[in-house]
Amino acid sequence: ILTAFYVFKNNFIVAATVDGRVISRYSLIKELEKQNGKTVL
């Protein structure tokens, strides 16, 4: 469970951290979709 959580956290939840503050992968994808979502789709 701990290994799975670690992998999930590092590969799927967290995109980056800035001074300990998390930038989530979801927020990154959301921003990318705003910029290029229609074109890519």
All heavy atoms as atom14 arrays in JSON, in Angstrom:
{
  "sequence": "ILTAFYVFKNNFIVAATVDGRVISRYSLIKELEKQNGKTVL",
  "atom14_mask": [
    [1, 1, 1, 1, 1, 1, 1, 1, 0, 0, 0, 0, 0, 0],
    [1, 1, 1, 1, 1, 1, 1, 1, 0, 0, 0, 0, 0, 0],
    [1, 1, 1, 1, 1, 1, 1, 0, 0, 0, 0, 0, 0, 0],
    [1, 1, 1, 1, 1, 0, 0, 0, 0, 0, 0, 0, 0, 0],
    [1, 1, 1, 1, 1, 1, 1, 1, 1, 1, 1, 0, 0, 0],
    [1, 1, 1, 1, 1, 1, 1, 1, 1, 1, 1, 1, 0, 0],
    [1, 1, 1, 1, 1, 1, 1, 0, 0, 0, 0, 0, 0, 0],
    [1, 1, 1, 1, 1, 1, 1, 1, 1, 1, 1, 0, 0, 0],
    [1, 1, 1, 1, 1, 1, 1, 1, 1, 0, 0, 0, 0, 0],
    [1, 1, 1, 1, 1, 1, 1, 1, 0, 0, 0, 0, 0, 0],
    [1, 1, 1, 1, 1, 1, 1, 1, 0, 0, 0, 0, 0, 0],
    [1, 1, 1, 1, 1, 1, 1, 1, 1, 1, 1, 0, 0, 0],
    [1, 1, 1, 1, 1, 1, 1, 1, 0, 0, 0, 0, 0, 0],
    [1, 1, 1, 1, 1, 1, 1, 0, 0, 0, 0, 0, 0, 0],
    [1, 1, 1, 1, 1, 0, 0, 0, 0, 0, 0, 0, 0, 0],
    [1, 1, 1, 1, 1, 0, 0, 0, 0, 0, 0, 0, 0, 0],
    [1, 1, 1, 1, 1, 1, 1, 0, 0, 0, 0, 0, 0, 0],
    [1, 1, 1, 1, 1, 1, 1, 0, 0, 0, 0, 0, 0, 0],
    [1, 1, 1, 1, 1, 1, 1, 1, 0, 0, 0, 0, 0, 0],
    [1, 1, 1, 1, 0, 0, 0, 0, 0, 0, 0, 0, 0, 0],
    [1, 1, 1, 1, 1, 1, 1, 1, 1, 1, 1, 0, 0, 0],
    [1, 1, 1, 1, 1, 1, 1, 0, 0, 0, 0, 0, 0, 0],
    [1, 1, 1, 1, 1, 1, 1, 1, 0, 0, 0, 0, 0, 0],
    [1, 1, 1, 1, 1, 1, 0, 0, 0, 0, 0, 0, 0, 0],
    [1, 1, 1, 1, 1, 1, 1, 1, 1, 1, 1, 0, 0, 0],
    [1, 1, 1, 1, 1, 1, 1, 1, 1, 1, 1, 1, 0, 0],
    [1, 1, 1, 1, 1, 1, 0, 0, 0, 0, 0, 0, 0, 0],
    [1, 1, 1, 1, 1, 1, 1, 1, 0, 0, 0, 0, 0, 0],
    [1, 1, 1, 1, 1, 1, 1, 1, 0, 0, 0, 0, 0, 0],
    [1, 1, 1, 1, 1, 1, 1, 1, 1, 0, 0, 0, 0, 0],
    [1, 1, 1, 1, 1, 1, 1, 1, 1, 0, 0, 0, 0, 0],
    [1, 1, 1, 1, 1, 1, 1, 1, 0, 0, 0, 0, 0, 0],
    [1, 1, 1, 1, 1, 1, 1, 1, 1, 0, 0, 0, 0, 0],
    [1, 1, 1, 1, 1, 1, 1, 1, 1, 0, 0, 0, 0, 0],
    [1, 1, 1, 1, 1, 1, 1, 1, 1, 0, 0, 0, 0, 0],
    [1, 1, 1, 1, 1, 1, 1, 1, 0, 0, 0, 0, 0, 0],
    [1, 1, 1, 1, 0, 0, 0, 0, 0, 0, 0, 0, 0, 0],
    [1, 1, 1, 1, 1, 1, 1, 1, 1, 0, 0, 0, 0, 0],
    [1, 1, 1, 1, 1, 1, 1, 0, 0, 0, 0, 0, 0, 0],
    [1, 1, 1, 1, 1, 1, 1, 0, 0, 0, 0, 0, 0, 0],
    [1, 1, 1, 1, 1, 1, 1, 1, 0, 0, 0, 0, 0, 0]
  ],
  "atom14_positions": [
    [[0.83, -1.21, 0.0], [0.0, 0.0, 0.0], [0.86, 1.25, 0.0], [0.61, 2.19, -0.75], [-0.94, 0.0, 1.23], [-1.99, -1.11, 1.08], [-1.63, 1.35, 1.38], [-2.8, -1.36, 2.33], [0.0, 0.0, 0.0], [0.0, 0.0, 0.0], [0.0, 0.0, 0.0], [0.0, 0.0, 0.0], [0.0, 0.0, 0.0], [0.0, 0.0, 0.0]],
    [[1.91, 1.26, 0.84], [2.79, 2.42, 0.93], [3.53, 2.64, -0.39], [3.67, 3.78, -0.84], [3.8, 2.24, 2.07], [3.23, 2.32, 3.49], [4.32, 2.0, 4.5], [2.64, 3.71, 3.75], [0.0, 0.0, 0.0], [0.0, 0.0, 0.0], [0.0, 0.0, 0.0], [0.0, 0.0, 0.0], [0.0, 0.0, 0.0], [0.0, 0.0, 0.0]],
    [[4.0, 1.55, -1.0], [4.69, 1.66, -2.28], [3.76, 2.19, -3.35], [4.12, 3.07, -4.13], [5.23, 0.28, -2.73], [6.11, -0.21, -1.72], [5.97, 0.39, -4.05], [0.0, 0.0, 0.0], [0.0, 0.0, 0.0], [0.0, 0.0, 0.0], [0.0, 0.0, 0.0], [0.0, 0.0, 0.0], [0.0, 0.0, 0.0], [0.0, 0.0, 0.0]],
    [[2.54, 1.66, -3.37], [1.56, 2.1, -4.36], [1.25, 3.58, -4.17], [1.15, 4.34, -5.13], [0.28, 1.28, -4.23], [0.0, 0.0, 0.0], [0.0, 0.0, 0.0], [0.0, 0.0, 0.0], [0.0, 0.0, 0.0], [0.0, 0.0, 0.0], [0.0, 0.0, 0.0], [0.0, 0.0, 0.0], [0.0, 0.0, 0.0], [0.0, 0.0, 0.0]],
    [[1.1, 4.0, -2.91], [0.81, 5.4, -2.63], [1.96, 6.3, -3.06], [1.75, 7.36, -3.64], [0.55, 5.6, -1.13], [0.31, 7.04, -0.77], [-0.9, 7.65, -1.08], [1.28, 7.8, -0.14], [-1.12, 8.98, -0.76], [1.07, 9.12, 0.17], [-0.14, 9.71, -0.13], [0.0, 0.0, 0.0], [0.0, 0.0, 0.0], [0.0, 0.0, 0.0]],
    [[3.19, 5.83, -2.8], [4.37, 6.61, -3.17], [4.42, 6.81, -4.69], [4.62, 7.92, -5.18], [5.64, 5.9, -2.7], [6.91, 6.61, -3.1], [7.38, 7.7, -2.37], [7.63, 6.19, -4.22], [8.54, 8.37, -2.75], [8.79, 6.86, -4.6], [9.24, 7.93, -3.86], [10.39, 8.59, -4.24], [0.0, 0.0, 0.0], [0.0, 0.0, 0.0]],
    [[4.2, 5.71, -5.42], [4.22, 5.78, -6.89], [3.1, 6.69, -7.38], [3.3, 7.53, -8.25], [4.08, 4.37, -7.51], [3.89, 4.46, -9.02], [5.3, 3.54, -7.18], [0.0, 0.0, 0.0], [0.0, 0.0, 0.0], [0.0, 0.0, 0.0], [0.0, 0.0, 0.0], [0.0, 0.0, 0.0], [0.0, 0.0, 0.0], [0.0, 0.0, 0.0]],
    [[1.91, 6.5, -6.79], [0.76, 7.31, -7.21], [1.01, 8.79, -6.93], [0.78, 9.64, -7.78], [-0.48, 6.84, -6.45], [-1.73, 7.55, -6.87], [-2.38, 7.19, -8.05], [-2.26, 8.56, -6.1], [-3.53, 7.84, -8.45], [-3.41, 9.22, -6.5], [-4.05, 8.86, -7.67], [0.0, 0.0, 0.0], [0.0, 0.0, 0.0], [0.0, 0.0, 0.0]],
    [[1.53, 9.06, -5.75], [1.8, 10.45, -5.35], [2.81, 11.1, -6.29], [2.61, 12.21, -6.76], [2.33, 10.48, -3.92], [2.76, 11.88, -3.47], [3.38, 11.83, -2.09], [3.96, 13.19, -1.71], [4.66, 13.14, -0.44], [0.0, 0.0, 0.0], [0.0, 0.0, 0.0], [0.0, 0.0, 0.0], [0.0, 0.0, 0.0], [0.0, 0.0, 0.0]],
    [[3.9, 10.4, -6.56], [4.99, 10.99, -7.33], [4.73, 11.03, -8.83], [5.25, 11.89, -9.52], [6.3, 10.25, -7.05], [6.86, 10.63, -5.69], [7.54, 11.64, -5.56], [6.55, 9.84, -4.67], [0.0, 0.0, 0.0], [0.0, 0.0, 0.0], [0.0, 0.0, 0.0], [0.0, 0.0, 0.0], [0.0, 0.0, 0.0], [0.0, 0.0, 0.0]],
    [[3.93, 10.11, -9.34], [3.7, 10.06, -10.78], [2.37, 10.62, -11.22], [2.19, 10.99, -12.36], [3.83, 8.63, -11.29], [5.27, 8.14, -11.2], [6.19, 8.93, -11.26], [5.44, 6.85, -11.04], [0.0, 0.0, 0.0], [0.0, 0.0, 0.0], [0.0, 0.0, 0.0], [0.0, 0.0, 0.0], [0.0, 0.0, 0.0], [0.0, 0.0, 0.0]],
    [[1.39, 10.67, -10.32], [0.05, 11.03, -10.75], [-0.53, 12.25, -10.03], [-1.38, 12.93, -10.57], [-0.9, 9.85, -10.56], [-0.56, 8.68, -11.43], [0.18, 7.63, -10.93], [-0.95, 8.64, -12.75], [0.51, 6.55, -11.75], [-0.62, 7.57, -13.58], [0.11, 6.53, -13.07], [0.0, 0.0, 0.0], [0.0, 0.0, 0.0], [0.0, 0.0, 0.0]],
    [[-0.08, 12.54, -8.85], [-0.67, 13.64, -8.09], [0.19, 14.89, -8.15], [-0.3, 15.97, -8.47], [-0.9, 13.23, -6.61], [-1.91, 12.09, -6.55], [-1.39, 14.42, -5.81], [-2.17, 11.58, -5.16], [0.0, 0.0, 0.0], [0.0, 0.0, 0.0], [0.0, 0.0, 0.0], [0.0, 0.0, 0.0], [0.0, 0.0, 0.0], [0.0, 0.0, 0.0]],
    [[1.48, 14.75, -7.86], [2.36, 15.91, -7.76], [3.13, 16.14, -9.06], [3.84, 15.26, -9.53], [3.35, 15.73, -6.59], [4.26, 16.95, -6.5], [2.6, 15.52, -5.28], [0.0, 0.0, 0.0], [0.0, 0.0, 0.0], [0.0, 0.0, 0.0], [0.0, 0.0, 0.0], [0.0, 0.0, 0.0], [0.0, 0.0, 0.0], [0.0, 0.0, 0.0]],
    [[2.97, 17.34, -9.62], [3.72, 17.7, -10.83], [5.04, 18.35, -10.44], [6.07, 18.13, -11.07], [2.91, 18.65, -11.71], [0.0, 0.0, 0.0], [0.0, 0.0, 0.0], [0.0, 0.0, 0.0], [0.0, 0.0, 0.0], [0.0, 0.0, 0.0], [0.0, 0.0, 0.0], [0.0, 0.0, 0.0], [0.0, 0.0, 0.0], [0.0, 0.0, 0.0]],
    [[5.01, 19.18, -9.36], [6.21, 19.85, -8.88], [5.93, 20.42, -7.49], [4.77, 20.49, -7.05], [6.62, 20.97, -9.84], [0.0, 0.0, 0.0], [0.0, 0.0, 0.0], [0.0, 0.0, 0.0], [0.0, 0.0, 0.0], [0.0, 0.0, 0.0], [0.0, 0.0, 0.0], [0.0, 0.0, 0.0], [0.0, 0.0, 0.0], [0.0, 0.0, 0.0]],
    [[7.0, 20.81, -6.82], [6.84, 21.52, -5.54], [7.72, 22.76, -5.58], [8.81, 22.74, -6.15], [7.26, 20.64, -4.34], [8.62, 20.22, -4.49], [6.36, 19.41, -4.22], [0.0, 0.0, 0.0], [0.0, 0.0, 0.0], [0.0, 0.0, 0.0], [0.0, 0.0, 0.0], [0.0, 0.0, 0.0], [0.0, 0.0, 0.0], [0.0, 0.0, 0.0]],
    [[7.23, 23.83, -4.98], [7.99, 25.09, -4.89], [8.06, 25.48, -3.42], [7.05, 25.84, -2.81], [7.3, 26.21, -5.69], [8.12, 27.5, -5.6], [7.12, 25.81, -7.15], [0.0, 0.0, 0.0], [0.0, 0.0, 0.0], [0.0, 0.0, 0.0], [0.0, 0.0, 0.0], [0.0, 0.0, 0.0], [0.0, 0.0, 0.0], [0.0, 0.0, 0.0]],
    [[9.26, 25.36, -2.85], [9.45, 25.61, -1.41], [8.45, 24.8, -0.58], [7.87, 25.3, 0.39], [9.29, 27.11, -1.11], [10.38, 27.95, -1.75], [11.49, 27.42, -1.93], [10.12, 29.11, -2.09], [0.0, 0.0, 0.0], [0.0, 0.0, 0.0], [0.0, 0.0, 0.0], [0.0, 0.0, 0.0], [0.0, 0.0, 0.0], [0.0, 0.0, 0.0]],
    [[8.25, 23.57, -0.99], [7.36, 22.7, -0.24], [5.9, 22.8, -0.65], [5.08, 21.97, -0.25], [0.0, 0.0, 0.0], [0.0, 0.0, 0.0], [0.0, 0.0, 0.0], [0.0, 0.0, 0.0], [0.0, 0.0, 0.0], [0.0, 0.0, 0.0], [0.0, 0.0, 0.0], [0.0, 0.0, 0.0], [0.0, 0.0, 0.0], [0.0, 0.0, 0.0]],
    [[5.58, 23.81, -1.43], [4.19, 23.99, -1.87], [3.96, 23.16, -3.14], [4.72, 23.26, -4.1], [3.93, 25.46, -2.15], [2.48, 25.74, -2.49], [2.21, 27.24, -2.47], [0.82, 27.52, -2.68], [0.17, 28.55, -2.15], [0.83, 29.38, -1.36], [-1.1, 28.75, -2.4], [0.0, 0.0, 0.0], [0.0, 0.0, 0.0], [0.0, 0.0, 0.0]],
    [[2.9, 22.36, -3.13], [2.65, 21.41, -4.2], [1.91, 22.04, -5.38], [0.97, 22.81, -5.21], [1.8, 20.22, -3.68], [1.34, 19.32, -4.83], [2.61, 19.41, -2.67], [0.0, 0.0, 0.0], [0.0, 0.0, 0.0], [0.0, 0.0, 0.0], [0.0, 0.0, 0.0], [0.0, 0.0, 0.0], [0.0, 0.0, 0.0], [0.0, 0.0, 0.0]],
    [[2.41, 21.72, -6.59], [1.67, 22.03, -7.81], [1.16, 20.68, -8.3], [1.94, 19.82, -8.7], [2.58, 22.67, -8.89], [3.11, 24.01, -8.4], [1.81, 22.84, -10.2], [4.12, 24.65, -9.35], [0.0, 0.0, 0.0], [0.0, 0.0, 0.0], [0.0, 0.0, 0.0], [0.0, 0.0, 0.0], [0.0, 0.0, 0.0], [0.0, 0.0, 0.0]],
    [[-0.14, 20.5, -8.22], [-0.72, 19.2, -8.55], [-0.72, 18.95, -10.05], [-0.74, 19.89, -10.86], [-2.16, 19.1, -8.02], [-3.01, 19.94, -8.78], [0.0, 0.0, 0.0], [0.0, 0.0, 0.0], [0.0, 0.0, 0.0], [0.0, 0.0, 0.0], [0.0, 0.0, 0.0], [0.0, 0.0, 0.0], [0.0, 0.0, 0.0], [0.0, 0.0, 0.0]],
    [[-0.69, 17.68, -10.39], [-0.72, 17.32, -11.81], [-2.07, 17.71, -12.4], [-2.17, 18.06, -13.57], [-0.48, 15.82, -11.96], [-0.25, 15.41, -13.4], [0.34, 14.04, -13.51], [0.62, 13.73, -14.9], [1.12, 12.58, -15.31], [1.41, 11.66, -14.42], [1.34, 12.34, -16.58], [0.0, 0.0, 0.0], [0.0, 0.0, 0.0], [0.0, 0.0, 0.0]],
    [[-3.11, 17.63, -11.59], [-4.45, 18.01, -12.05], [-4.49, 19.47, -12.47], [-5.03, 19.82, -13.52], [-5.48, 17.75, -10.95], [-6.85, 18.3, -11.29], [-7.68, 17.65, -12.21], [-7.31, 19.48, -10.7], [-8.92, 18.15, -12.53], [-8.55, 19.99, -11.03], [-9.36, 19.33, -11.94], [-10.59, 19.83, -12.27], [0.0, 0.0, 0.0], [0.0, 0.0, 0.0]],
    [[-3.89, 20.35, -11.66], [-3.88, 21.77, -12.0], [-3.06, 22.04, -13.25], [-3.39, 22.92, -14.05], [-3.34, 22.6, -10.82], [-1.99, 22.29, -10.56], [0.0, 0.0, 0.0], [0.0, 0.0, 0.0], [0.0, 0.0, 0.0], [0.0, 0.0, 0.0], [0.0, 0.0, 0.0], [0.0, 0.0, 0.0], [0.0, 0.0, 0.0], [0.0, 0.0, 0.0]],
    [[-1.99, 21.27, -13.43], [-1.17, 21.39, -14.63], [-1.98, 21.01, -15.87], [-2.0, 21.74, -16.87], [0.06, 20.5, -14.51], [0.92, 20.33, -15.78], [1.51, 21.66, -16.22], [2.02, 19.31, -15.55], [0.0, 0.0, 0.0], [0.0, 0.0, 0.0], [0.0, 0.0, 0.0], [0.0, 0.0, 0.0], [0.0, 0.0, 0.0], [0.0, 0.0, 0.0]],
    [[-2.65, 19.85, -15.79], [-3.45, 19.38, -16.92], [-4.58, 20.37, -17.23], [-4.87, 20.66, -18.39], [-4.02, 17.98, -16.62], [-2.89, 16.95, -16.55], [-5.06, 17.56, -17.67], [-3.29, 15.6, -16.04], [0.0, 0.0, 0.0], [0.0, 0.0, 0.0], [0.0, 0.0, 0.0], [0.0, 0.0, 0.0], [0.0, 0.0, 0.0], [0.0, 0.0, 0.0]],
    [[-5.19, 20.89, -16.18], [-6.27, 21.86, -16.34], [-5.79, 23.1, -17.09], [-6.47, 23.62, -17.98], [-6.83, 22.24, -14.97], [-8.13, 23.02, -15.02], [-8.66, 23.24, -13.62], [-9.96, 24.05, -13.66], [-10.48, 24.3, -12.3], [0.0, 0.0, 0.0], [0.0, 0.0, 0.0], [0.0, 0.0, 0.0], [0.0, 0.0, 0.0], [0.0, 0.0, 0.0]],
    [[-4.6, 23.58, -16.73], [-4.03, 24.76, -17.38], [-3.67, 24.47, -18.84], [-3.9, 25.3, -19.73], [-2.78, 25.22, -16.61], [-2.22, 26.55, -17.06], [-3.17, 27.72, -16.89], [-4.0, 27.69, -15.95], [-3.14, 28.65, -17.72], [0.0, 0.0, 0.0], [0.0, 0.0, 0.0], [0.0, 0.0, 0.0], [0.0, 0.0, 0.0], [0.0, 0.0, 0.0]],
    [[-3.11, 23.3, -19.07], [-2.76, 22.9, -20.43], [-4.01, 22.79, -21.3], [-4.01, 23.17, -22.47], [-2.02, 21.56, -20.43], [-0.58, 21.59, -19.9], [-0.04, 20.18, -19.76], [0.32, 22.39, -20.84], [0.0, 0.0, 0.0], [0.0, 0.0, 0.0], [0.0, 0.0, 0.0], [0.0, 0.0, 0.0], [0.0, 0.0, 0.0], [0.0, 0.0, 0.0]],
    [[-5.09, 22.27, -20.7], [-6.34, 22.15, -21.45], [-6.9, 23.52, -21.8], [-7.45, 23.71, -22.88], [-7.37, 21.36, -20.63], [-7.12, 19.87, -20.64], [-8.32, 19.09, -20.14], [-9.08, 19.63, -19.3], [-8.5, 17.94, -20.57], [0.0, 0.0, 0.0], [0.0, 0.0, 0.0], [0.0, 0.0, 0.0], [0.0, 0.0, 0.0], [0.0, 0.0, 0.0]],
    [[-6.74, 24.47, -20.9], [-7.21, 25.84, -21.17], [-6.49, 26.42, -22.38], [-7.09, 27.08, -23.23], [-6.92, 26.75, -19.96], [-7.94, 26.67, -18.85], [-7.57, 27.69, -17.8], [-8.42, 27.55, -16.54], [-8.0, 28.52, -15.5], [0.0, 0.0, 0.0], [0.0, 0.0, 0.0], [0.0, 0.0, 0.0], [0.0, 0.0, 0.0], [0.0, 0.0, 0.0]],
    [[-5.19, 26.15, -22.46], [-4.36, 26.74, -23.51], [-4.51, 26.01, -24.85], [-4.61, 26.65, -25.9], [-2.89, 26.73, -23.09], [-2.59, 27.6, -21.87], [-1.15, 27.48, -21.41], [-0.27, 27.09, -22.18], [-0.89, 27.77, -20.15], [0.0, 0.0, 0.0], [0.0, 0.0, 0.0], [0.0, 0.0, 0.0], [0.0, 0.0, 0.0], [0.0, 0.0, 0.0]],
    [[-4.5, 24.69, -24.8], [-4.47, 23.93, -26.05], [-5.5, 22.82, -26.15], [-5.46, 22.03, -27.09], [-3.07, 23.3, -26.25], [-1.98, 24.35, -26.28], [-1.98, 25.23, -27.11], [-1.05, 24.25, -25.34], [0.0, 0.0, 0.0], [0.0, 0.0, 0.0], [0.0, 0.0, 0.0], [0.0, 0.0, 0.0], [0.0, 0.0, 0.0], [0.0, 0.0, 0.0]],
    [[-6.39, 22.74, -25.2], [-7.35, 21.63, -25.15], [-8.15, 21.45, -26.42], [-8.23, 20.34, -26.96], [0.0, 0.0, 0.0], [0.0, 0.0, 0.0], [0.0, 0.0, 0.0], [0.0, 0.0, 0.0], [0.0, 0.0, 0.0], [0.0, 0.0, 0.0], [0.0, 0.0, 0.0], [0.0, 0.0, 0.0], [0.0, 0.0, 0.0], [0.0, 0.0, 0.0]],
    [[-8.73, 22.52, -26.92], [-9.57, 22.44, -28.12], [-8.77, 21.98, -29.33], [-9.22, 21.11, -30.08], [-10.22, 23.79, -28.41], [-11.26, 23.74, -29.52], [-11.9, 25.09, -29.74], [-13.03, 25.0, -30.76], [-12.64, 24.39, -32.03], [0.0, 0.0, 0.0], [0.0, 0.0, 0.0], [0.0, 0.0, 0.0], [0.0, 0.0, 0.0], [0.0, 0.0, 0.0]],
    [[-7.59, 22.57, -29.51], [-6.74, 22.22, -30.65], [-6.33, 20.75, -30.61], [-6.42, 20.04, -31.61], [-5.48, 23.1, -30.68], [-5.87, 24.47, -30.77], [-4.6, 22.76, -31.87], [0.0, 0.0, 0.0], [0.0, 0.0, 0.0], [0.0, 0.0, 0.0], [0.0, 0.0, 0.0], [0.0, 0.0, 0.0], [0.0, 0.0, 0.0], [0.0, 0.0, 0.0]],
    [[-5.88, 20.3, -29.43], [-5.42, 18.92, -29.28], [-6.58, 17.94, -29.48], [-6.44, 16.92, -30.17], [-4.77, 18.7, -27.9], [-4.45, 17.22, -27.69], [-3.51, 19.53, -27.77], [0.0, 0.0, 0.0], [0.0, 0.0, 0.0], [0.0, 0.0, 0.0], [0.0, 0.0, 0.0], [0.0, 0.0, 0.0], [0.0, 0.0, 0.0], [0.0, 0.0, 0.0]],
    [[-7.74, 18.26, -28.9], [-8.91, 17.39, -29.04], [-9.35, 17.29, -30.49], [-9.63, 16.2, -31.0], [-10.07, 17.9, -28.18], [-11.35, 17.06, -28.21], [-11.07, 15.63, -27.77], [-12.42, 17.7, -27.33], [0.0, 0.0, 0.0], [0.0, 0.0, 0.0], [0.0, 0.0, 0.0], [0.0, 0.0, 0.0], [0.0, 0.0, 0.0], [0.0, 0.0, 0.0]]
  ]
}
